[in-house]
Structure formats: C-alpha cells, structure tokens
Amino acid sequence: MSAATDSRAASDGHYLVVTARFNALVTERLAAGARAGLVARGVPGDHIAEAAVPGAWELGPVVQHAAASGRFRAIVACGAVIRGETPHFDHVARATLDALARVQREHRIPVGLGVLTTDTLEQALNRAGGKSGNKGEEAALAALETAAVLDALAGGAPRGG
C-alpha cells in the first residue's frame, strides 16, 4: 500500500486514544505522543476521540466497548504500570495486556499498545517522550500500519469511518 493510500485511509477513519489517569505524569505524555503521531500521519484532529479511565486495569473494558461499537479504525491504549513493593504490578500488567490482546482477536481491530510496564518512574518517563522516544506515538503508528494492512486484506475499504 502506498503512502498516499495510507494517508487517505487514515484521514477517512476515526480513532480512539484511551488513557489511564494513574501515573498521569507519564500517561499524559504517552497520549500526547499518540495524538501527535496520528495527526502527523494525516488523521484530522476531529477524527481522534479520547477517553480517560482511572488506571491501566480499566483500559480493557473501555477498549472492549469501543471496539464493539464499530466506530473506530484503530484504538490506542496508554497507561503506565510501575513496579512497587508487592506482586500487584505483575497481576495488573498481565491482566491489562491480556485484555487488550483479547480485544484485537475478538474484534479484529488494531489496539496500539502504549502501556508501559517498568521498574521505575525514571524508566517510564524515558519511554514517554524522554531519551527512549515516545511509546505512545509508536503505539499509534503501529495501530495505523496494522489498520492499513487489515484494510488491504479486506479489499481496501477503511473501517471505522
């Protein structure tokens, strides 16, 4: 698929960025990167919807509901699960990632994985626009590319428009 076709399909579809408020110092940067990445690839700002949830744990049900609506060509989930002193980190991280993967399989919609799982706040900030780039932007671009592949396999008609 050509860049022009990708850009046209991107501008025809609607997208959703769902952001966890917990660890907002990190997640707001991830969401900003996701929005910037979508706009840079030709998605009009008014084609980007946004939703906020309390934490990473709540991303799954909201992304599931949005995917089931059929309104979106792709969804980007932004969150940060930072290791603490208990096993809580392991449970929340695994359940969140499993829920997002399940949405992709069940609804055949790309879900950009902008959910960080890090040991420290510093590591998270490095991945949210710091020296390691912005994983929110990377997640949005991966979702766009995957949507373009799915559209091509389906005969070229953009979904979620």
C-alpha atoms as a PDB file:
ATOM      1  CA  MET A   1       0.000   0.000   0.000  1.00  0.00           C
ATOM      2  CA  SER A   2       1.395   3.399  -0.943  1.00  0.00           C
ATOM      3  CA  ALA A   3       1.965   6.258   1.458  1.00  0.00           C
ATOM      4  CA  ALA A   4      -0.751   8.262  -0.324  1.00  0.00           C
ATOM      5  CA  THR A   5      -3.250   5.429   0.109  1.00  0.00           C
ATOM      6  CA  ASP A   6      -2.250   5.023   3.756  1.00  0.00           C
ATOM      7  CA  SER A   7      -2.738   8.745   4.354  1.00  0.00           C
ATOM      8  CA  ARG A   8      -6.138   8.742   2.610  1.00  0.00           C
ATOM      9  CA  ALA A   9      -7.326   5.751   4.622  1.00  0.00           C
ATOM     10  CA  ALA A  10      -6.010   7.330   7.830  1.00  0.00           C
ATOM     11  CA  SER A  11      -7.926  10.539   7.170  1.00  0.00           C
ATOM     12  CA  ASP A  12     -11.115   8.580   6.404  1.00  0.00           C
ATOM     13  CA  GLY A  13     -11.183   6.653   9.681  1.00  0.00           C
ATOM     14  CA  HIS A  14     -11.885   7.519  13.297  1.00  0.00           C
ATOM     15  CA  TYR A  15      -9.502   6.674  16.097  1.00  0.00           C
ATOM     16  CA  LEU A  16      -9.653   6.483  19.873  1.00  0.00           C
ATOM     17  CA  VAL A  17      -6.922   7.179  22.408  1.00  0.00           C
ATOM     18  CA  VAL A  18      -7.787   5.734  25.839  1.00  0.00           C
ATOM     19  CA  THR A  19      -5.564   6.969  28.654  1.00  0.00           C
ATOM     20  CA  ALA A  20      -5.199   5.778  32.231  1.00  0.00           C
ATOM     21  CA  ARG A  21      -5.065   8.675  34.722  1.00  0.00           C
ATOM     22  CA  PHE A  22      -2.963   6.758  37.267  1.00  0.00           C
ATOM     23  CA  ASN A  23       0.689   7.797  36.774  1.00  0.00           C
ATOM     24  CA  ALA A  24      -0.589  10.840  34.859  1.00  0.00           C
ATOM     25  CA  LEU A  25       2.888  12.378  34.658  1.00  0.00           C
ATOM     26  CA  VAL A  26       3.715   9.516  32.288  1.00  0.00           C
ATOM     27  CA  THR A  27       0.382   8.678  30.675  1.00  0.00           C
ATOM     28  CA  GLU A  28      -0.428  12.233  29.595  1.00  0.00           C
ATOM     29  CA  ARG A  29       2.859  12.286  27.677  1.00  0.00           C
ATOM     30  CA  LEU A  30       2.058   8.931  26.074  1.00  0.00           C
ATOM     31  CA  ALA A  31      -1.368  10.188  24.994  1.00  0.00           C
ATOM     32  CA  ALA A  32       0.124  13.400  23.587  1.00  0.00           C
ATOM     33  CA  GLY A  33       2.591  11.303  21.596  1.00  0.00           C
ATOM     34  CA  ALA A  34      -0.233   9.091  20.297  1.00  0.00           C
ATOM     35  CA  ARG A  35      -2.267  12.110  19.171  1.00  0.00           C
ATOM     36  CA  ALA A  36       0.759  13.743  17.546  1.00  0.00           C
ATOM     37  CA  GLY A  37       1.627  10.520  15.729  1.00  0.00           C
ATOM     38  CA  LEU A  38      -1.899  10.166  14.342  1.00  0.00           C
ATOM     39  CA  VAL A  39      -2.047  13.790  13.196  1.00  0.00           C
ATOM     40  CA  ALA A  40       1.425  13.556  11.617  1.00  0.00           C
ATOM     41  CA  ARG A  41       0.171  10.638   9.515  1.00  0.00           C
ATOM     42  CA  GLY A  42      -2.830  12.542   8.187  1.00  0.00           C
ATOM     43  CA  VAL A  43      -5.557  11.883  10.745  1.00  0.00           C
ATOM     44  CA  PRO A  44      -7.619  15.047  11.237  1.00  0.00           C
ATOM     45  CA  GLY A  45      -7.822  16.120  14.865  1.00  0.00           C
ATOM     46  CA  ASP A  46     -11.610  15.853  14.803  1.00  0.00           C
ATOM     47  CA  HIS A  47     -11.256  12.159  13.881  1.00  0.00           C
ATOM     48  CA  ILE A  48      -9.457  11.432  17.155  1.00  0.00           C
ATOM     49  CA  ALA A  49     -11.699  10.709  20.124  1.00  0.00           C
ATOM     50  CA  GLU A  50     -10.314  10.497  23.632  1.00  0.00           C
ATOM     51  CA  ALA A  51     -11.362   8.745  26.809  1.00  0.00           C
ATOM     52  CA  ALA A  52      -9.797   8.614  30.251  1.00  0.00           C
ATOM     53  CA  VAL A  53     -10.017   5.788  32.777  1.00  0.00           C
ATOM     54  CA  PRO A  54      -8.791   5.610  36.380  1.00  0.00           C
ATOM     55  CA  GLY A  55      -5.880   3.226  35.753  1.00  0.00           C
ATOM     56  CA  ALA A  56      -4.400   0.569  33.485  1.00  0.00           C
ATOM     57  CA  TRP A  57      -6.745  -2.078  34.923  1.00  0.00           C
ATOM     58  CA  GLU A  58      -9.724  -0.183  33.477  1.00  0.00           C
ATOM     59  CA  LEU A  59      -8.308   0.114  29.951  1.00  0.00           C
ATOM     60  CA  GLY A  60      -9.554  -3.343  28.925  1.00  0.00           C
ATOM     61  CA  PRO A  61     -13.315  -2.870  29.376  1.00  0.00           C
ATOM     62  CA  VAL A  62     -13.320   0.587  27.783  1.00  0.00           C
ATOM     63  CA  VAL A  63     -11.259  -0.562  24.790  1.00  0.00           C
ATOM     64  CA  GLN A  64     -13.540  -3.639  24.510  1.00  0.00           C
ATOM     65  CA  HIS A  65     -16.666  -1.451  24.451  1.00  0.00           C
ATOM     66  CA  ALA A  66     -15.155   0.943  21.910  1.00  0.00           C
ATOM     67  CA  ALA A  67     -14.063  -1.906  19.636  1.00  0.00           C
ATOM     68  CA  ALA A  68     -17.528  -3.477  19.788  1.00  0.00           C
ATOM     69  CA  SER A  69     -19.098  -0.154  18.735  1.00  0.00           C
ATOM     70  CA  GLY A  70     -17.571  -0.420  15.235  1.00  0.00           C
ATOM     71  CA  ARG A  71     -16.898   3.328  15.283  1.00  0.00           C
ATOM     72  CA  PHE A  72     -13.107   3.164  15.211  1.00  0.00           C
ATOM     73  CA  ARG A  73     -10.499   2.067  12.690  1.00  0.00           C
ATOM     74  CA  ALA A  74      -7.949   1.639  15.489  1.00  0.00           C
ATOM     75  CA  ILE A  75      -7.572   2.288  19.206  1.00  0.00           C
ATOM     76  CA  VAL A  76      -4.502   3.294  21.182  1.00  0.00           C
ATOM     77  CA  ALA A  77      -4.290   2.358  24.872  1.00  0.00           C
ATOM     78  CA  CYS A  78      -1.957   4.487  27.013  1.00  0.00           C
ATOM     79  CA  GLY A  79      -1.033   3.530  30.548  1.00  0.00           C
ATOM     80  CA  ALA A  80       1.858   3.005  32.934  1.00  0.00           C
ATOM     81  CA  VAL A  81       2.255   0.183  35.426  1.00  0.00           C
ATOM     82  CA  ILE A  82       5.325   0.850  37.553  1.00  0.00           C
ATOM     83  CA  ARG A  83       6.695  -1.882  39.804  1.00  0.00           C
ATOM     84  CA  GLY A  84       6.181  -1.398  43.514  1.00  0.00           C
ATOM     85  CA  GLU A  85       6.980  -3.466  46.567  1.00  0.00           C
ATOM     86  CA  THR A  86       4.251  -6.083  46.087  1.00  0.00           C
ATOM     87  CA  PRO A  87       3.213  -8.532  43.337  1.00  0.00           C
ATOM     88  CA  HIS A  88       0.333  -6.186  42.431  1.00  0.00           C
ATOM     89  CA  PHE A  89       2.414  -4.915  39.478  1.00  0.00           C
ATOM     90  CA  ASP A  90       2.613  -8.400  37.935  1.00  0.00           C
ATOM     91  CA  HIS A  91      -1.122  -9.016  38.194  1.00  0.00           C
ATOM     92  CA  VAL A  92      -2.217  -5.645  36.834  1.00  0.00           C
ATOM     93  CA  ALA A  93       0.314  -5.666  33.989  1.00  0.00           C
ATOM     94  CA  ARG A  94      -0.546  -9.204  32.841  1.00  0.00           C
ATOM     95  CA  ALA A  95      -4.327  -8.744  33.101  1.00  0.00           C
ATOM     96  CA  THR A  96      -4.200  -5.419  31.237  1.00  0.00           C
ATOM     97  CA  LEU A  97      -2.089  -6.756  28.377  1.00  0.00           C
ATOM     98  CA  ASP A  98      -4.197  -9.910  28.124  1.00  0.00           C
ATOM     99  CA  ALA A  99      -7.407  -7.861  27.961  1.00  0.00           C
ATOM    100  CA  LEU A 100      -6.056  -5.650  25.165  1.00  0.00           C
ATOM    101  CA  ALA A 101      -4.815  -8.654  23.187  1.00  0.00           C
ATOM    102  CA  ARG A 102      -8.228 -10.295  23.556  1.00  0.00           C
ATOM    103  CA  VAL A 103      -9.929  -7.199  22.098  1.00  0.00           C
ATOM    104  CA  GLN A 104      -7.735  -7.397  18.992  1.00  0.00           C
ATOM    105  CA  ARG A 105      -8.529 -11.056  18.457  1.00  0.00           C
ATOM    106  CA  GLU A 106     -12.257 -10.827  19.129  1.00  0.00           C
ATOM    107  CA  HIS A 107     -12.964  -7.607  17.229  1.00  0.00           C
ATOM    108  CA  ARG A 108     -10.215  -7.687  14.590  1.00  0.00           C
ATOM    109  CA  ILE A 109      -9.279  -4.108  15.337  1.00  0.00           C
ATOM    110  CA  PRO A 110      -5.749  -2.848  15.969  1.00  0.00           C
ATOM    111  CA  VAL A 111      -5.074  -1.812  19.547  1.00  0.00           C
ATOM    112  CA  GLY A 112      -1.854   0.145  19.831  1.00  0.00           C
ATOM    113  CA  LEU A 113      -0.026  -0.919  22.966  1.00  0.00           C
ATOM    114  CA  GLY A 114       1.056   2.286  24.668  1.00  0.00           C
ATOM    115  CA  VAL A 115       1.045   0.655  28.097  1.00  0.00           C
ATOM    116  CA  LEU A 116       4.411   0.788  29.812  1.00  0.00           C
ATOM    117  CA  THR A 117       5.488  -1.800  32.354  1.00  0.00           C
ATOM    118  CA  THR A 118       8.618  -0.502  34.021  1.00  0.00           C
ATOM    119  CA  ASP A 119      10.582  -0.921  37.224  1.00  0.00           C
ATOM    120  CA  THR A 120      10.912   2.809  37.924  1.00  0.00           C
ATOM    121  CA  LEU A 121       9.295   6.158  37.203  1.00  0.00           C
ATOM    122  CA  GLU A 122      12.530   7.237  35.500  1.00  0.00           C
ATOM    123  CA  GLN A 123      12.287   4.328  33.047  1.00  0.00           C
ATOM    124  CA  ALA A 124       8.670   5.232  32.330  1.00  0.00           C
ATOM    125  CA  LEU A 125       9.490   8.902  31.697  1.00  0.00           C
ATOM    126  CA  ASN A 126      12.320   7.879  29.361  1.00  0.00           C
ATOM    127  CA  ARG A 127       9.749   5.970  27.282  1.00  0.00           C
ATOM    128  CA  ALA A 128       7.134   8.721  27.418  1.00  0.00           C
ATOM    129  CA  GLY A 129       8.977  11.322  25.388  1.00  0.00           C
ATOM    130  CA  GLY A 130      12.376  11.067  27.042  1.00  0.00           C
ATOM    131  CA  LYS A 131      15.615   9.590  25.749  1.00  0.00           C
ATOM    132  CA  SER A 132      13.898   6.353  24.646  1.00  0.00           C
ATOM    133  CA  GLY A 133      11.314   8.096  22.469  1.00  0.00           C
ATOM    134  CA  ASN A 134       7.573   8.125  22.983  1.00  0.00           C
ATOM    135  CA  LYS A 135       5.960   4.697  23.130  1.00  0.00           C
ATOM    136  CA  GLY A 136       2.510   6.324  22.824  1.00  0.00           C
ATOM    137  CA  GLU A 137       3.461   7.668  19.411  1.00  0.00           C
ATOM    138  CA  GLU A 138       4.997   4.321  18.438  1.00  0.00           C
ATOM    139  CA  ALA A 139       1.810   2.537  19.503  1.00  0.00           C
ATOM    140  CA  ALA A 140      -0.331   4.879  17.397  1.00  0.00           C
ATOM    141  CA  LEU A 141       1.859   4.371  14.333  1.00  0.00           C
ATOM    142  CA  ALA A 142       1.782   0.588  14.785  1.00  0.00           C
ATOM    143  CA  ALA A 143      -2.019   0.697  15.039  1.00  0.00           C
ATOM    144  CA  LEU A 144      -2.248   2.804  11.863  1.00  0.00           C
ATOM    145  CA  GLU A 145       0.020   0.464   9.948  1.00  0.00           C
ATOM    146  CA  THR A 146      -1.892  -2.590  11.133  1.00  0.00           C
ATOM    147  CA  ALA A 147      -5.199  -0.951  10.167  1.00  0.00           C
ATOM    148  CA  ALA A 148      -3.831  -0.326   6.677  1.00  0.00           C
ATOM    149  CA  VAL A 149      -2.814  -3.988   6.337  1.00  0.00           C
ATOM    150  CA  LEU A 150      -6.229  -5.159   7.532  1.00  0.00           C
ATOM    151  CA  ASP A 151      -7.945  -2.761   5.120  1.00  0.00           C
ATOM    152  CA  ALA A 152      -5.836  -4.048   2.232  1.00  0.00           C
ATOM    153  CA  LEU A 153      -6.656  -7.642   3.108  1.00  0.00           C
ATOM    154  CA  ALA A 154     -10.349  -6.732   3.212  1.00  0.00           C
ATOM    155  CA  GLY A 155     -10.280  -5.154  -0.233  1.00  0.00           C
ATOM    156  CA  GLY A 156      -9.155  -1.625   0.565  1.00  0.00           C
ATOM    157  CA  ALA A 157     -12.177  -0.075   2.285  1.00  0.00           C
ATOM    158  CA  PRO A 158     -11.227   1.692   5.512  1.00  0.00           C
ATOM    159  CA  ARG A 159     -13.136   0.515   8.568  1.00  0.00           C
ATOM    160  CA  GLY A 160     -14.408   2.675  11.397  1.00  0.00           C
ATOM    161  CA  GLY A 161     -15.207   5.733   9.373  1.00  0.00           C
END
